[in-house]
């Protein structure tokens, strides 16, 4: 390749941050493995397509609509 491939260094930075924050990022993980761990593209695609994924908010306790008013009432 004659130019700079976009995203190579970004992939490493994102993967490192995801591990620090304990985030599941399966596609980023597979791309990282292809770029830095000698995984094959074919194996990465098979793993991504064959995996059972859950919604990104599964298991989280999101209280998006539980803001408290001045008297302690929910709005």
PDB file of N, CA and C in Angstrom:
ATOM      1  N   UNK A   1       0.844  -1.177   0.000  1.00  0.00           N
ATOM      2  CA  UNK A   1       0.000   0.000   0.000  1.00  0.00           C
ATOM      3  C   UNK A   1       0.890   1.241   0.000  1.00  0.00           C
ATOM      4  N   UNK A   2       0.537   2.206  -0.806  1.00  0.00           N
ATOM      5  CA  UNK A   2       1.365   3.410  -0.935  1.00  0.00           C
ATOM      6  C   UNK A   2       1.011   4.521   0.037  1.00  0.00           C
ATOM      7  N   UNK A   3      -0.168   4.476   0.622  1.00  0.00           N
ATOM      8  CA  UNK A   3      -0.598   5.548   1.517  1.00  0.00           C
ATOM      9  C   UNK A   3      -0.806   5.044   2.928  1.00  0.00           C
ATOM     10  N   UNK A   4      -1.321   5.908   3.740  1.00  0.00           N
ATOM     11  CA  UNK A   4      -1.617   5.555   5.126  1.00  0.00           C
ATOM     12  C   UNK A   4      -3.044   5.013   5.204  1.00  0.00           C
ATOM     13  N   UNK A   5      -3.191   3.835   5.778  1.00  0.00           N
ATOM     14  CA  UNK A   5      -4.523   3.259   5.962  1.00  0.00           C
ATOM     15  C   UNK A   5      -5.170   3.925   7.164  1.00  0.00           C
ATOM     16  N   UNK A   6      -6.315   4.507   6.949  1.00  0.00           N
ATOM     17  CA  UNK A   6      -7.009   5.201   8.028  1.00  0.00           C
ATOM     18  C   UNK A   6      -7.555   4.210   9.045  1.00  0.00           C
ATOM     19  N   UNK A   7      -7.460   4.547  10.306  1.00  0.00           N
ATOM     20  CA  UNK A   7      -8.078   3.753  11.351  1.00  0.00           C
ATOM     21  C   UNK A   7      -7.176   2.751  12.036  1.00  0.00           C
ATOM     22  N   UNK A   8      -5.971   2.546  11.549  1.00  0.00           N
ATOM     23  CA  UNK A   8      -5.107   1.543  12.170  1.00  0.00           C
ATOM     24  C   UNK A   8      -4.721   1.962  13.585  1.00  0.00           C
ATOM     25  N   UNK A   9      -4.201   3.164  13.744  1.00  0.00           N
ATOM     26  CA  UNK A   9      -3.826   3.611  15.096  1.00  0.00           C
ATOM     27  C   UNK A   9      -5.063   3.898  15.940  1.00  0.00           C
ATOM     28  N   UNK A  10      -6.139   4.338  15.300  1.00  0.00           N
ATOM     29  CA  UNK A  10      -7.377   4.596  16.036  1.00  0.00           C
ATOM     30  C   UNK A  10      -7.940   3.311  16.613  1.00  0.00           C
ATOM     31  N   UNK A  11      -7.835   2.223  15.863  1.00  0.00           N
ATOM     32  CA  UNK A  11      -8.324   0.931  16.351  1.00  0.00           C
ATOM     33  C   UNK A  11      -7.620   0.546  17.640  1.00  0.00           C
ATOM     34  N   UNK A  12      -6.313   0.720  17.691  1.00  0.00           N
ATOM     35  CA  UNK A  12      -5.556   0.388  18.907  1.00  0.00           C
ATOM     36  C   UNK A  12      -5.984   1.271  20.071  1.00  0.00           C
ATOM     37  N   UNK A  13      -6.180   2.549  19.816  1.00  0.00           N
ATOM     38  CA  UNK A  13      -6.580   3.480  20.882  1.00  0.00           C
ATOM     39  C   UNK A  13      -7.982   3.163  21.400  1.00  0.00           C
ATOM     40  N   UNK A  14      -8.901   2.882  20.491  1.00  0.00           N
ATOM     41  CA  UNK A  14     -10.276   2.567  20.893  1.00  0.00           C
ATOM     42  C   UNK A  14     -10.313   1.258  21.660  1.00  0.00           C
ATOM     43  N   UNK A  15      -9.598   0.263  21.192  1.00  0.00           N
ATOM     44  CA  UNK A  15      -9.576  -1.045  21.871  1.00  0.00           C
ATOM     45  C   UNK A  15      -8.984  -0.913  23.275  1.00  0.00           C
ATOM     46  N   UNK A  16      -7.925  -0.129  23.417  1.00  0.00           N
ATOM     47  CA  UNK A  16      -7.307   0.084  24.719  1.00  0.00           C
ATOM     48  C   UNK A  16      -8.285   0.784  25.671  1.00  0.00           C
ATOM     49  N   UNK A  17      -8.981   1.796  25.178  1.00  0.00           N
ATOM     50  CA  UNK A  17      -9.945   2.525  26.015  1.00  0.00           C
ATOM     51  C   UNK A  17     -11.125   1.629  26.391  1.00  0.00           C
ATOM     52  N   UNK A  18     -11.590   0.815  25.463  1.00  0.00           N
ATOM     53  CA  UNK A  18     -12.705  -0.097  25.744  1.00  0.00           C
ATOM     54  C   UNK A  18     -12.325  -1.092  26.841  1.00  0.00           C
ATOM     55  N   UNK A  19     -11.119  -1.596  26.801  1.00  0.00           N
ATOM     56  CA  UNK A  19     -10.673  -2.524  27.856  1.00  0.00           C
ATOM     57  C   UNK A  19     -10.598  -1.819  29.199  1.00  0.00           C
ATOM     58  N   UNK A  20     -10.116  -0.585  29.225  1.00  0.00           N
ATOM     59  CA  UNK A  20     -10.038   0.169  30.481  1.00  0.00           C
ATOM     60  C   UNK A  20     -11.414   0.423  31.075  1.00  0.00           C
ATOM     61  N   UNK A  21     -12.405   0.644  30.207  1.00  0.00           N
ATOM     62  CA  UNK A  21     -13.757   0.942  30.660  1.00  0.00           C
ATOM     63  C   UNK A  21     -14.632  -0.303  30.766  1.00  0.00           C
ATOM     64  N   UNK A  22     -14.043  -1.464  30.490  1.00  0.00           N
ATOM     65  CA  UNK A  22     -14.756  -2.738  30.553  1.00  0.00           C
ATOM     66  C   UNK A  22     -15.982  -2.751  29.625  1.00  0.00           C
ATOM     67  N   UNK A  23     -15.788  -2.251  28.410  1.00  0.00           N
ATOM     68  CA  UNK A  23     -16.848  -2.217  27.409  1.00  0.00           C
ATOM     69  C   UNK A  23     -16.699  -3.387  26.450  1.00  0.00           C
ATOM     70  N   UNK A  24     -17.819  -3.940  26.033  1.00  0.00           N
ATOM     71  CA  UNK A  24     -17.799  -4.978  25.016  1.00  0.00           C
ATOM     72  C   UNK A  24     -17.860  -4.308  23.653  1.00  0.00           C
ATOM     73  N   UNK A  25     -16.847  -4.498  22.853  1.00  0.00           N
ATOM     74  CA  UNK A  25     -16.806  -3.947  21.500  1.00  0.00           C
ATOM     75  C   UNK A  25     -16.309  -5.049  20.569  1.00  0.00           C
ATOM     76  N   UNK A  26     -17.173  -6.013  20.248  1.00  0.00           N
ATOM     77  CA  UNK A  26     -16.740  -7.194  19.514  1.00  0.00           C
ATOM     78  C   UNK A  26     -16.182  -6.911  18.126  1.00  0.00           C
ATOM     79  N   UNK A  27     -16.727  -5.954  17.410  1.00  0.00           N
ATOM     80  CA  UNK A  27     -16.198  -5.663  16.073  1.00  0.00           C
ATOM     81  C   UNK A  27     -14.828  -5.018  16.180  1.00  0.00           C
ATOM     82  N   UNK A  28     -14.691  -4.056  17.088  1.00  0.00           N
ATOM     83  CA  UNK A  28     -13.385  -3.433  17.307  1.00  0.00           C
ATOM     84  C   UNK A  28     -12.369  -4.472  17.756  1.00  0.00           C
ATOM     85  N   UNK A  29     -12.781  -5.391  18.611  1.00  0.00           N
ATOM     86  CA  UNK A  29     -11.880  -6.448  19.080  1.00  0.00           C
ATOM     87  C   UNK A  29     -11.385  -7.293  17.915  1.00  0.00           C
ATOM     88  N   UNK A  30     -12.294  -7.672  17.022  1.00  0.00           N
ATOM     89  CA  UNK A  30     -11.902  -8.512  15.881  1.00  0.00           C
ATOM     90  C   UNK A  30     -10.965  -7.761  14.938  1.00  0.00           C
ATOM     91  N   UNK A  31     -11.262  -6.471  14.696  1.00  0.00           N
ATOM     92  CA  UNK A  31     -10.385  -5.678  13.831  1.00  0.00           C
ATOM     93  C   UNK A  31      -9.007  -5.546  14.465  1.00  0.00           C
ATOM     94  N   UNK A  32      -8.973  -5.313  15.770  1.00  0.00           N
ATOM     95  CA  UNK A  32      -7.697  -5.233  16.489  1.00  0.00           C
ATOM     96  C   UNK A  32      -6.908  -6.536  16.343  1.00  0.00           C
ATOM     97  N   UNK A  33      -7.596  -7.658  16.483  1.00  0.00           N
ATOM     98  CA  UNK A  33      -6.932  -8.959  16.362  1.00  0.00           C
ATOM     99  C   UNK A  33      -6.365  -9.170  14.963  1.00  0.00           C
ATOM    100  N   UNK A  34      -7.079  -8.713  13.944  1.00  0.00           N
ATOM    101  CA  UNK A  34      -6.580  -8.837  12.571  1.00  0.00           C
ATOM    102  C   UNK A  34      -5.349  -7.955  12.374  1.00  0.00           C
ATOM    103  N   UNK A  35      -5.407  -6.722  12.877  1.00  0.00           N
ATOM    104  CA  UNK A  35      -4.313  -5.781  12.666  1.00  0.00           C
ATOM    105  C   UNK A  35      -3.071  -6.074  13.501  1.00  0.00           C
ATOM    106  N   UNK A  36      -3.279  -6.536  14.736  1.00  0.00           N
ATOM    107  CA  UNK A  36      -2.154  -6.625  15.667  1.00  0.00           C
ATOM    108  C   UNK A  36      -1.846  -8.019  16.207  1.00  0.00           C
ATOM    109  N   UNK A  37      -2.727  -8.981  15.981  1.00  0.00           N
ATOM    110  CA  UNK A  37      -2.538 -10.303  16.592  1.00  0.00           C
ATOM    111  C   UNK A  37      -2.533 -11.439  15.573  1.00  0.00           C
ATOM    112  N   UNK A  38      -2.320 -11.132  14.317  1.00  0.00           N
ATOM    113  CA  UNK A  38      -2.220 -12.137  13.253  1.00  0.00           C
ATOM    114  C   UNK A  38      -3.473 -12.975  13.049  1.00  0.00           C
ATOM    115  N   UNK A  39      -4.637 -12.470  13.436  1.00  0.00           N
ATOM    116  CA  UNK A  39      -5.888 -13.173  13.140  1.00  0.00           C
ATOM    117  C   UNK A  39      -6.196 -12.977  11.661  1.00  0.00           C
ATOM    118  N   UNK A  40      -6.910 -13.924  11.072  1.00  0.00           N
ATOM    119  CA  UNK A  40      -7.265 -13.791   9.673  1.00  0.00           C
ATOM    120  C   UNK A  40      -8.589 -13.045   9.536  1.00  0.00           C
ATOM    121  N   UNK A  41      -8.750 -12.371   8.433  1.00  0.00           N
ATOM    122  CA  UNK A  41      -9.993 -11.656   8.161  1.00  0.00           C
ATOM    123  C   UNK A  41     -11.153 -12.646   8.101  1.00  0.00           C
ATOM    124  N   UNK A  42     -10.920 -13.792   7.496  1.00  0.00           N
ATOM    125  CA  UNK A  42     -11.960 -14.809   7.376  1.00  0.00           C
ATOM    126  C   UNK A  42     -12.449 -15.267   8.748  1.00  0.00           C
ATOM    127  N   UNK A  43     -11.527 -15.507   9.671  1.00  0.00           N
ATOM    128  CA  UNK A  43     -11.914 -15.912  11.028  1.00  0.00           C
ATOM    129  C   UNK A  43     -12.673 -14.797  11.749  1.00  0.00           C
ATOM    130  N   UNK A  44     -12.211 -13.566  11.585  1.00  0.00           N
ATOM    131  CA  UNK A  44     -12.876 -12.431  12.232  1.00  0.00           C
ATOM    132  C   UNK A  44     -14.309 -12.288  11.727  1.00  0.00           C
ATOM    133  N   UNK A  45     -14.501 -12.403  10.416  1.00  0.00           N
ATOM    134  CA  UNK A  45     -15.850 -12.295   9.855  1.00  0.00           C
ATOM    135  C   UNK A  45     -16.728 -13.432  10.357  1.00  0.00           C
ATOM    136  N   UNK A  46     -16.193 -14.644  10.385  1.00  0.00           N
ATOM    137  CA  UNK A  46     -16.970 -15.790  10.867  1.00  0.00           C
ATOM    138  C   UNK A  46     -17.374 -15.603  12.327  1.00  0.00           C
ATOM    139  N   UNK A  47     -16.484 -15.078  13.149  1.00  0.00           N
ATOM    140  CA  UNK A  47     -16.792 -14.847  14.561  1.00  0.00           C
ATOM    141  C   UNK A  47     -17.859 -13.769  14.723  1.00  0.00           C
ATOM    142  N   UNK A  48     -17.751 -12.699  13.956  1.00  0.00           N
ATOM    143  CA  UNK A  48     -18.729 -11.619  14.052  1.00  0.00           C
ATOM    144  C   UNK A  48     -20.103 -12.097  13.599  1.00  0.00           C
ATOM    145  N   UNK A  49     -20.159 -12.793  12.480  1.00  0.00           N
ATOM    146  CA  UNK A  49     -21.442 -13.236  11.943  1.00  0.00           C
ATOM    147  C   UNK A  49     -22.051 -14.388  12.729  1.00  0.00           C
ATOM    148  N   UNK A  50     -21.213 -15.175  13.405  1.00  0.00           N
ATOM    149  CA  UNK A  50     -21.717 -16.336  14.123  1.00  0.00           C
ATOM    150  C   UNK A  50     -22.012 -16.099  15.586  1.00  0.00           C
ATOM    151  N   UNK A  51     -21.692 -14.930  16.085  1.00  0.00           N
ATOM    152  CA  UNK A  51     -21.872 -14.664  17.512  1.00  0.00           C
ATOM    153  C   UNK A  51     -23.296 -14.234  17.825  1.00  0.00           C
ATOM    154  N   UNK A  52     -23.694 -14.478  19.048  1.00  0.00           N
ATOM    155  CA  UNK A  52     -24.986 -14.013  19.543  1.00  0.00           C
ATOM    156  C   UNK A  52     -24.732 -12.765  20.381  1.00  0.00           C
ATOM    157  N   UNK A  53     -25.197 -11.653  19.909  1.00  0.00           N
ATOM    158  CA  UNK A  53     -24.976 -10.400  20.610  1.00  0.00           C
ATOM    159  C   UNK A  53     -26.250  -9.937  21.285  1.00  0.00           C
ATOM    160  N   UNK A  54     -26.072  -9.171  22.335  1.00  0.00           N
ATOM    161  CA  UNK A  54     -27.207  -8.606  23.049  1.00  0.00           C
ATOM    162  C   UNK A  54     -27.252  -7.106  22.801  1.00  0.00           C
ATOM    163  N   UNK A  55     -28.351  -6.503  23.118  1.00  0.00           N
ATOM    164  CA  UNK A  55     -28.499  -5.068  22.965  1.00  0.00           C
ATOM    165  C   UNK A  55     -27.442  -4.361  23.802  1.00  0.00           C
ATOM    166  N   UNK A  56     -26.946  -3.233  23.307  1.00  0.00           N
ATOM    167  CA  UNK A  56     -25.850  -2.559  24.017  1.00  0.00           C
ATOM    168  C   UNK A  56     -26.227  -2.040  25.390  1.00  0.00           C
ATOM    169  N   UNK A  57     -27.524  -1.905  25.674  1.00  0.00           N
ATOM    170  CA  UNK A  57     -27.946  -1.451  26.994  1.00  0.00           C
ATOM    171  C   UNK A  57     -28.339  -2.609  27.904  1.00  0.00           C
ATOM    172  N   UNK A  58     -28.246  -3.833  27.421  1.00  0.00           N
ATOM    173  CA  UNK A  58     -28.617  -4.998  28.231  1.00  0.00           C
ATOM    174  C   UNK A  58     -27.721  -5.074  29.462  1.00  0.00           C
ATOM    175  N   UNK A  59     -28.343  -5.294  30.601  1.00  0.00           N
ATOM    176  CA  UNK A  59     -27.586  -5.423  31.838  1.00  0.00           C
ATOM    177  C   UNK A  59     -27.220  -4.104  32.496  1.00  0.00           C
ATOM    178  N   UNK A  60     -27.536  -3.003  31.865  1.00  0.00           N
ATOM    179  CA  UNK A  60     -27.221  -1.693  32.436  1.00  0.00           C
ATOM    180  C   UNK A  60     -28.443  -1.168  33.178  1.00  0.00           C
ATOM    181  N   UNK A  61     -28.208  -0.362  34.147  1.00  0.00           N
ATOM    182  CA  UNK A  61     -29.312   0.266  34.882  1.00  0.00           C
ATOM    183  C   UNK A  61     -29.392   1.723  34.470  1.00  0.00           C
ATOM    184  N   UNK A  62     -30.119   1.953  33.417  1.00  0.00           N
ATOM    185  CA  UNK A  62     -30.276   3.304  32.904  1.00  0.00           C
ATOM    186  C   UNK A  62     -31.544   3.895  33.481  1.00  0.00           C
ATOM    187  N   UNK A  63     -31.418   5.056  34.085  1.00  0.00           N
ATOM    188  CA  UNK A  63     -32.572   5.753  34.647  1.00  0.00           C
ATOM    189  C   UNK A  63     -32.739   7.070  33.900  1.00  0.00           C
ATOM    190  N   UNK A  64     -33.087   6.936  32.644  1.00  0.00           N
ATOM    191  CA  UNK A  64     -33.168   8.113  31.793  1.00  0.00           C
ATOM    192  C   UNK A  64     -34.305   9.046  32.158  1.00  0.00           C
ATOM    193  N   UNK A  65     -35.377   8.514  32.737  1.00  0.00           N
ATOM    194  CA  UNK A  65     -36.551   9.324  32.993  1.00  0.00           C
ATOM    195  C   UNK A  65     -36.893   9.394  34.477  1.00  0.00           C
ATOM    196  N   UNK A  66     -35.916   9.309  35.337  1.00  0.00           N
ATOM    197  CA  UNK A  66     -36.190   9.320  36.773  1.00  0.00           C
ATOM    198  C   UNK A  66     -35.604  10.559  37.447  1.00  0.00           C
ATOM    199  N   UNK A  67     -35.712  11.691  36.786  1.00  0.00           N
ATOM    200  CA  UNK A  67     -35.216  12.925  37.370  1.00  0.00           C
ATOM    201  C   UNK A  67     -36.094  13.325  38.544  1.00  0.00           C
ATOM    202  N   UNK A  68     -35.482  13.846  39.586  1.00  0.00           N
ATOM    203  CA  UNK A  68     -36.214  14.245  40.780  1.00  0.00           C
ATOM    204  C   UNK A  68     -36.546  15.735  40.723  1.00  0.00           C
ATOM    205  N   UNK A  69     -37.781  16.063  41.095  1.00  0.00           N
ATOM    206  CA  UNK A  69     -38.198  17.461  41.178  1.00  0.00           C
ATOM    207  C   UNK A  69     -37.745  18.068  42.495  1.00  0.00           C
ATOM    208  N   UNK A  70     -38.123  19.317  42.742  1.00  0.00           N
ATOM    209  CA  UNK A  70     -37.707  20.017  43.956  1.00  0.00           C
ATOM    210  C   UNK A  70     -38.251  19.359  45.219  1.00  0.00           C
ATOM    211  N   UNK A  71     -39.418  18.753  45.169  1.00  0.00           N
ATOM    212  CA  UNK A  71     -40.022  18.153  46.352  1.00  0.00           C
ATOM    213  C   UNK A  71     -39.809  16.639  46.387  1.00  0.00           C
ATOM    214  N   UNK A  72     -38.871  16.142  45.602  1.00  0.00           N
ATOM    215  CA  UNK A  72     -38.585  14.714  45.625  1.00  0.00           C
ATOM    216  C   UNK A  72     -39.516  13.890  44.774  1.00  0.00           C
ATOM    217  N   UNK A  73     -40.372  14.571  44.002  1.00  0.00           N
ATOM    218  CA  UNK A  73     -41.285  13.832  43.115  1.00  0.00           C
ATOM    219  C   UNK A  73     -40.608  13.593  41.781  1.00  0.00           C
ATOM    220  N   UNK A  74     -40.945  12.482  41.185  1.00  0.00           N
ATOM    221  CA  UNK A  74     -40.463  12.240  39.826  1.00  0.00           C
ATOM    222  C   UNK A  74     -41.178  13.172  38.873  1.00  0.00           C
ATOM    223  N   UNK A  75     -40.465  13.690  37.933  1.00  0.00           N
ATOM    224  CA  UNK A  75     -41.062  14.588  36.940  1.00  0.00           C
ATOM    225  C   UNK A  75     -41.722  13.807  35.844  1.00  0.00           C
TER     226      UNK A  75
END
